[in-house]
């Protein structure tokens, strides 16, 4: 294993953002050793690439691995990707997370330099200019502008937020990753938080690196919130050893109250009904998922 950093990008029916991500990664002040693309669905991906002939020419450090849709798993696919790398650090990204600067990788890696206890650092998610006020508040709620180092001692104070972590963009220290067994093989969702909780329980730390930014936001409809939260609830039901001793209800109510206050105080009162519908979709989906619906669809974003 050499002291380098590889980037893994999970793709499924990608769009032009993938090229923006690759171009930005190749310009980073701390350059990636390799960019490993784990793609689900080879035919669609190859059709996409053929529409942009020569777009990736000149980049010699990109490798693409295709898997059939039936084999995709949030944890297992990421763990498989680790087998293609021998770098000391692995950064996992999704196909819609665009680096906000040329110092993303440097900012993700910096916390590890003087702290051997950090298992994973994760980036701040910045909403796109087109994001709705609701989504802007949601991102600021989960991704504030201050760094935070979190350990098992913080669970009493932070609850589920103590092991909040997002593989939209996160950097893993490889020796600890291997020691802990890497990502879980099968999970409907929350593979990042399941790993983070294991890291805390083993005495390691999780680091929120606010200076490491990626553009990432989604204006989901109530129906989309419902479907996503089925998988969220299901993953929690499947792993009581991770989520059983903490509750996400208090954090959810804090977000609801904060967002309503934000909308009203900033003149977005007309968006409150839409936000309430989104919350209803989240809650109903979460409750259904907590009942563990076997064979429910796995979502990729």
Protein backbone atom coordinates (compact mmCIF):
# COMPACT_ATOMS: atom_id res chain seq x y z
CA UNK A 1 0.00 0.00 0.00
CA UNK A 2 1.41 3.36 -1.01
CA UNK A 3 0.68 6.78 0.51
CA UNK A 4 -1.70 7.94 -2.22
CA UNK A 5 -5.36 8.69 -2.64
CA UNK A 6 -7.73 6.98 -5.07
CA UNK A 7 -11.24 8.15 -5.91
CA UNK A 8 -14.18 5.82 -6.46
CA UNK A 9 -17.24 7.15 -8.29
CA UNK A 10 -20.46 5.12 -8.37
CA UNK A 11 -22.48 5.67 -11.55
CA UNK A 12 -25.90 4.66 -12.82
CA UNK A 13 -27.24 6.29 -15.98
CA UNK A 14 -24.81 9.22 -15.60
CA UNK A 15 -25.13 12.63 -17.24
CA UNK A 16 -22.67 15.39 -18.14
CA UNK A 17 -21.91 16.04 -14.45
CA UNK A 18 -19.68 12.97 -14.53
CA UNK A 19 -17.29 14.73 -16.89
CA UNK A 20 -17.34 17.85 -14.71
CA UNK A 21 -16.38 15.71 -11.73
CA UNK A 22 -13.55 13.96 -13.56
CA UNK A 23 -12.15 17.22 -14.96
CA UNK A 24 -12.20 18.77 -11.48
CA UNK A 25 -10.56 15.75 -9.87
CA UNK A 26 -7.74 15.85 -12.41
CA UNK A 27 -7.08 19.51 -11.44
CA UNK A 28 -6.90 18.89 -7.70
CA UNK A 29 -3.99 20.27 -5.68
CA UNK A 30 -3.69 16.78 -4.21
CA UNK A 31 -4.21 14.69 -7.34
CA UNK A 32 -5.85 11.26 -7.21
CA UNK A 33 -3.72 8.27 -8.04
CA UNK A 34 -6.59 6.57 -9.83
CA UNK A 35 -10.22 7.33 -10.57
CA UNK A 36 -12.18 4.10 -10.31
CA UNK A 37 -15.65 4.22 -11.84
CA UNK A 38 -18.03 1.55 -10.57
CA UNK A 39 -20.87 1.58 -13.06
CA UNK A 40 -24.20 -0.22 -12.88
CA UNK A 41 -25.54 -1.11 -16.34
CA UNK A 42 -22.86 -1.39 -19.05
CA UNK A 43 -25.00 -0.81 -22.15
CA UNK A 44 -26.44 2.50 -20.96
CA UNK A 45 -23.03 3.73 -19.85
CA UNK A 46 -21.38 2.87 -23.14
CA UNK A 47 -24.17 4.62 -25.04
CA UNK A 48 -23.63 7.70 -22.87
CA UNK A 49 -19.86 7.72 -23.47
CA UNK A 50 -20.33 7.26 -27.22
CA UNK A 51 -22.27 10.50 -27.27
CA UNK A 52 -19.14 12.37 -26.16
CA UNK A 53 -16.36 10.90 -28.31
CA UNK A 54 -12.86 11.55 -27.00
CA UNK A 55 -14.14 13.29 -23.87
CA UNK A 56 -11.90 11.33 -21.51
CA UNK A 57 -8.91 11.05 -23.80
CA UNK A 58 -5.70 12.24 -22.19
CA UNK A 59 -6.61 10.90 -18.76
CA UNK A 60 -4.56 7.76 -18.13
CA UNK A 61 -5.60 7.07 -14.55
CA UNK A 62 -9.28 6.20 -15.12
CA UNK A 63 -10.57 2.65 -14.94
CA UNK A 64 -14.17 1.54 -15.39
CA UNK A 65 -15.75 -1.56 -13.89
CA UNK A 66 -19.27 -2.59 -14.90
CA UNK A 67 -21.67 -4.59 -12.76
CA UNK A 68 -25.20 -5.76 -13.62
CA UNK A 69 -28.04 -3.97 -11.89
CA UNK A 70 -28.96 -7.14 -10.03
CA UNK A 71 -25.59 -7.06 -8.24
CA UNK A 72 -25.69 -3.44 -7.11
CA UNK A 73 -25.59 -2.77 -3.40
CA UNK A 74 -24.77 0.44 -1.56
CA UNK A 75 -22.24 -1.30 0.66
CA UNK A 76 -21.14 -4.26 -1.43
CA UNK A 77 -20.36 -2.23 -4.56
CA UNK A 78 -18.18 0.16 -2.59
CA UNK A 79 -16.42 -2.71 -0.88
CA UNK A 80 -15.77 -4.33 -4.25
CA UNK A 81 -14.22 -1.07 -5.47
CA UNK A 82 -11.77 -1.10 -2.56
CA UNK A 83 -10.36 -4.33 -3.96
CA UNK A 84 -9.17 -2.44 -7.04
CA UNK A 85 -7.11 0.02 -5.01
CA UNK A 86 -3.94 -0.19 -2.95
CA UNK A 87 -3.91 3.48 -1.95
CA UNK A 88 -3.69 4.61 1.66
CA UNK A 89 -6.86 6.69 1.27
CA UNK A 90 -10.07 6.00 -0.60
CA UNK A 91 -12.50 8.77 -1.50
CA UNK A 92 -16.00 7.63 -2.41
CA UNK A 93 -18.21 9.93 -4.48
CA UNK A 94 -21.53 9.79 -6.26
CA UNK A 95 -22.03 10.82 -9.88
CA UNK A 96 -23.82 14.04 -8.93
CA UNK A 97 -21.32 15.43 -6.41
CA UNK A 98 -19.22 18.09 -8.20
CA UNK A 99 -16.12 19.38 -6.37
CA UNK A 100 -16.56 23.00 -5.31
CA UNK A 101 -12.84 23.78 -5.62
CA UNK A 102 -9.48 22.36 -6.64
CA UNK A 103 -8.72 21.71 -2.96
CA UNK A 104 -11.46 19.21 -2.21
CA UNK A 105 -9.17 16.20 -1.87
CA UNK A 106 -6.60 18.16 0.12
CA UNK A 107 -9.27 19.31 2.57
CA UNK A 108 -10.61 15.76 2.96
CA UNK A 109 -7.14 14.37 3.61
CA UNK A 110 -5.89 17.12 5.93
CA UNK A 111 -7.65 15.91 9.12
CA UNK A 112 -5.75 12.60 8.95
CA UNK A 113 -2.31 14.23 8.95
CA UNK A 114 -2.01 14.73 12.70
CA UNK A 115 -4.69 12.38 14.00
CA UNK A 116 -4.26 8.64 13.56
CA UNK A 117 -7.63 7.97 15.19
CA UNK A 118 -9.74 9.38 12.35
CA UNK A 119 -11.35 6.61 10.31
CA UNK A 120 -13.30 8.72 7.82
CA UNK A 121 -13.78 12.37 6.88
CA UNK A 122 -16.74 13.61 4.87
CA UNK A 123 -17.40 16.71 2.82
CA UNK A 124 -19.80 19.58 3.08
CA UNK A 125 -22.66 19.45 0.58
CA UNK A 126 -23.39 22.80 -1.01
CA UNK A 127 -26.74 23.29 -2.77
CA UNK A 128 -26.78 24.27 -6.42
CA UNK A 129 -27.93 27.79 -7.29
CA UNK A 130 -31.12 26.25 -8.66
CA UNK A 131 -31.99 24.55 -5.35
CA UNK A 132 -35.22 25.56 -3.65
CA UNK A 133 -35.15 27.43 -0.31
CA UNK A 134 -36.32 24.23 1.37
CA UNK A 135 -33.38 22.26 0.01
CA UNK A 136 -31.00 25.09 0.86
CA UNK A 137 -32.07 24.94 4.48
CA UNK A 138 -31.87 21.15 4.56
CA UNK A 139 -28.26 21.24 3.36
CA UNK A 140 -27.24 23.94 5.83
CA UNK A 141 -28.88 21.95 8.64
CA UNK A 142 -26.88 18.81 7.94
CA UNK A 143 -23.72 20.49 6.66
CA UNK A 144 -22.82 23.59 8.72
CA UNK A 145 -19.76 25.77 8.15
CA UNK A 146 -17.74 24.48 11.12
CA UNK A 147 -15.61 21.33 11.32
CA UNK A 148 -16.47 18.68 13.88
CA UNK A 149 -14.52 15.68 15.17
CA UNK A 150 -16.91 13.06 16.56
CA UNK A 151 -16.24 10.07 18.82
CA UNK A 152 -18.36 7.56 20.73
CA UNK A 153 -18.41 10.01 23.65
CA UNK A 154 -20.51 12.38 21.51
CA UNK A 155 -23.38 9.91 21.06
CA UNK A 156 -24.94 11.01 24.35
CA UNK A 157 -25.01 14.62 23.14
CA UNK A 158 -25.53 14.26 19.38
CA UNK A 159 -27.48 11.03 19.15
CA UNK A 160 -27.61 9.72 15.58
CA UNK A 161 -25.71 12.78 14.35
CA UNK A 162 -22.58 11.48 16.13
CA UNK A 163 -22.11 8.92 13.38
CA UNK A 164 -23.70 10.87 10.57
CA UNK A 165 -21.50 10.52 7.49
CA UNK A 166 -22.18 10.69 3.75
CA UNK A 167 -20.65 8.69 0.92
CA UNK A 168 -21.79 11.41 -1.47
CA UNK A 169 -18.20 12.44 -0.77
CA UNK A 170 -16.15 10.83 1.99
CA UNK A 171 -12.51 9.86 2.52
CA UNK A 172 -11.58 6.59 4.25
CA UNK A 173 -8.26 5.75 5.83
CA UNK A 174 -7.48 2.40 4.25
CA UNK A 175 -5.69 0.63 7.12
CA UNK A 176 -8.61 1.31 9.47
CA UNK A 177 -11.08 0.49 6.69
CA UNK A 178 -9.51 -2.96 6.30
CA UNK A 179 -9.26 -3.46 10.04
CA UNK A 180 -12.99 -2.84 10.42
CA UNK A 181 -13.90 -5.04 7.46
CA UNK A 182 -14.80 -2.21 5.09
CA UNK A 183 -18.33 -1.40 4.01
CA UNK A 184 -21.09 -3.79 4.94
CA UNK A 185 -21.83 -6.28 2.16
CA UNK A 186 -25.62 -5.84 1.99
CA UNK A 187 -27.74 -2.87 2.99
CA UNK A 188 -30.64 -0.97 1.47
CA UNK A 189 -29.15 2.38 2.52
CA UNK A 190 -26.94 4.06 5.15
CA UNK A 191 -23.79 2.06 4.39
CA UNK A 192 -21.77 5.14 5.37
CA UNK A 193 -23.41 5.57 8.78
CA UNK A 194 -23.19 1.84 9.51
CA UNK A 195 -19.43 2.05 8.92
CA UNK A 196 -19.12 5.27 10.92
CA UNK A 197 -20.88 3.72 13.91
CA UNK A 198 -18.57 0.71 13.77
CA UNK A 199 -15.62 3.08 13.72
CA UNK A 200 -16.85 4.96 16.79
CA UNK A 201 -17.56 1.74 18.65
CA UNK A 202 -13.99 0.59 17.88
CA UNK A 203 -12.54 3.76 19.39
CA UNK A 204 -11.97 5.74 16.19
CA UNK A 205 -13.27 9.16 15.16
CA UNK A 206 -15.41 10.56 12.33
CA UNK A 207 -14.51 14.00 10.99
CA UNK A 208 -16.75 16.51 9.26
CA UNK A 209 -14.48 18.58 6.99
CA UNK A 210 -16.48 21.73 6.22
CA UNK A 211 -13.76 23.16 3.97
CA UNK A 212 -14.11 20.15 1.66
CA UNK A 213 -17.10 21.12 -0.44
CA UNK A 214 -19.09 19.45 -3.20
CA UNK A 215 -22.11 20.77 -5.02
CA UNK A 216 -24.94 18.36 -4.33
CA UNK A 217 -28.66 18.91 -3.84
CA UNK A 218 -32.01 17.46 -4.90
CA UNK A 219 -35.47 18.98 -4.87
CA UNK A 220 -37.37 15.77 -4.20
CA UNK A 221 -41.14 15.59 -4.47
CA UNK A 222 -43.16 14.14 -1.56
CA UNK A 223 -43.45 10.85 -3.51
CA UNK A 224 -39.68 10.71 -4.03
CA UNK A 225 -39.11 11.47 -0.34
CA UNK A 226 -41.46 8.61 0.49
CA UNK A 227 -39.57 6.11 -1.66
CA UNK A 228 -36.15 7.17 -0.38
CA UNK A 229 -37.20 7.01 3.23
CA UNK A 230 -38.53 3.49 2.85
CA UNK A 231 -34.93 2.41 2.26
CA UNK A 232 -33.69 4.64 5.07
CA UNK A 233 -36.15 3.13 7.54
CA UNK A 234 -35.47 -0.35 6.26
CA UNK A 235 -31.72 -0.02 6.75
CA UNK A 236 -32.30 1.08 10.34
CA UNK A 237 -34.66 -1.82 10.96
CA UNK A 238 -32.09 -4.25 9.55
CA UNK A 239 -29.35 -2.93 11.84
CA UNK A 240 -30.62 -2.44 15.40
CA UNK A 241 -27.03 -2.84 16.61
CA UNK A 242 -26.27 0.47 14.87
CA UNK A 243 -29.48 2.47 15.24
CA UNK A 244 -31.32 0.72 18.06
CA UNK A 245 -29.93 2.79 20.93
CA UNK A 246 -30.43 6.20 19.29
CA UNK A 247 -33.46 8.00 17.91
CA UNK A 248 -33.66 10.20 14.84
CA UNK A 249 -37.06 11.62 15.84
CA UNK A 250 -35.67 14.53 17.84
CA UNK A 251 -33.32 15.52 15.06
CA UNK A 252 -36.15 15.32 12.57
CA UNK A 253 -38.37 17.59 14.64
CA UNK A 254 -35.54 20.08 15.03
CA UNK A 255 -35.18 20.21 11.22
CA UNK A 256 -38.93 20.69 10.75
CA UNK A 257 -39.17 23.53 13.24
CA UNK A 258 -36.01 25.18 11.95
CA UNK A 259 -37.06 25.00 8.31
CA UNK A 260 -40.56 26.37 8.95
CA UNK A 261 -39.06 29.25 10.90
CA UNK A 262 -36.54 29.89 8.11
CA UNK A 263 -39.23 29.90 5.43
CA UNK A 264 -41.51 32.25 7.35
CA UNK A 265 -38.77 34.69 8.36
CA UNK A 266 -37.40 34.92 4.82
CA UNK A 267 -40.67 35.49 3.00
CA UNK A 268 -41.11 31.94 1.71
CA UNK A 269 -44.37 31.35 3.59
CA UNK A 270 -45.97 29.97 0.45
CA UNK A 271 -43.53 27.02 0.53
CA UNK A 272 -44.61 25.83 3.99
CA UNK A 273 -47.42 23.56 2.65
CA UNK A 274 -44.98 21.97 0.18
CA UNK A 275 -42.48 21.39 2.99
CA UNK A 276 -45.14 19.80 5.18
CA UNK A 277 -46.05 17.44 2.33
CA UNK A 278 -42.37 16.52 1.93
CA UNK A 279 -42.17 15.82 5.67
CA UNK A 280 -45.26 13.63 5.44
CA UNK A 281 -43.65 11.67 2.60
CA UNK A 282 -40.49 11.22 4.63
CA UNK A 283 -42.33 10.13 7.75
CA UNK A 284 -44.67 7.68 6.02
CA UNK A 285 -41.82 6.17 4.01
CA UNK A 286 -39.66 5.88 7.10
CA UNK A 287 -42.44 4.17 9.05
CA UNK A 288 -43.03 1.71 6.22
CA UNK A 289 -39.31 0.98 5.92
CA UNK A 290 -39.00 0.40 9.67
CA UNK A 291 -41.40 -2.49 9.21
CA UNK A 292 -38.74 -4.00 6.93
CA UNK A 293 -40.31 -4.47 3.51
CA UNK A 294 -38.37 -7.34 2.00
CA UNK A 295 -37.30 -6.89 -1.63
CA UNK A 296 -38.00 -3.13 -1.66
CA UNK A 297 -36.16 -1.29 -4.41
CA UNK A 298 -32.63 -0.01 -3.76
CA UNK A 299 -32.13 3.65 -4.66
CA UNK A 300 -28.75 4.92 -5.79
CA UNK A 301 -28.65 8.65 -4.98
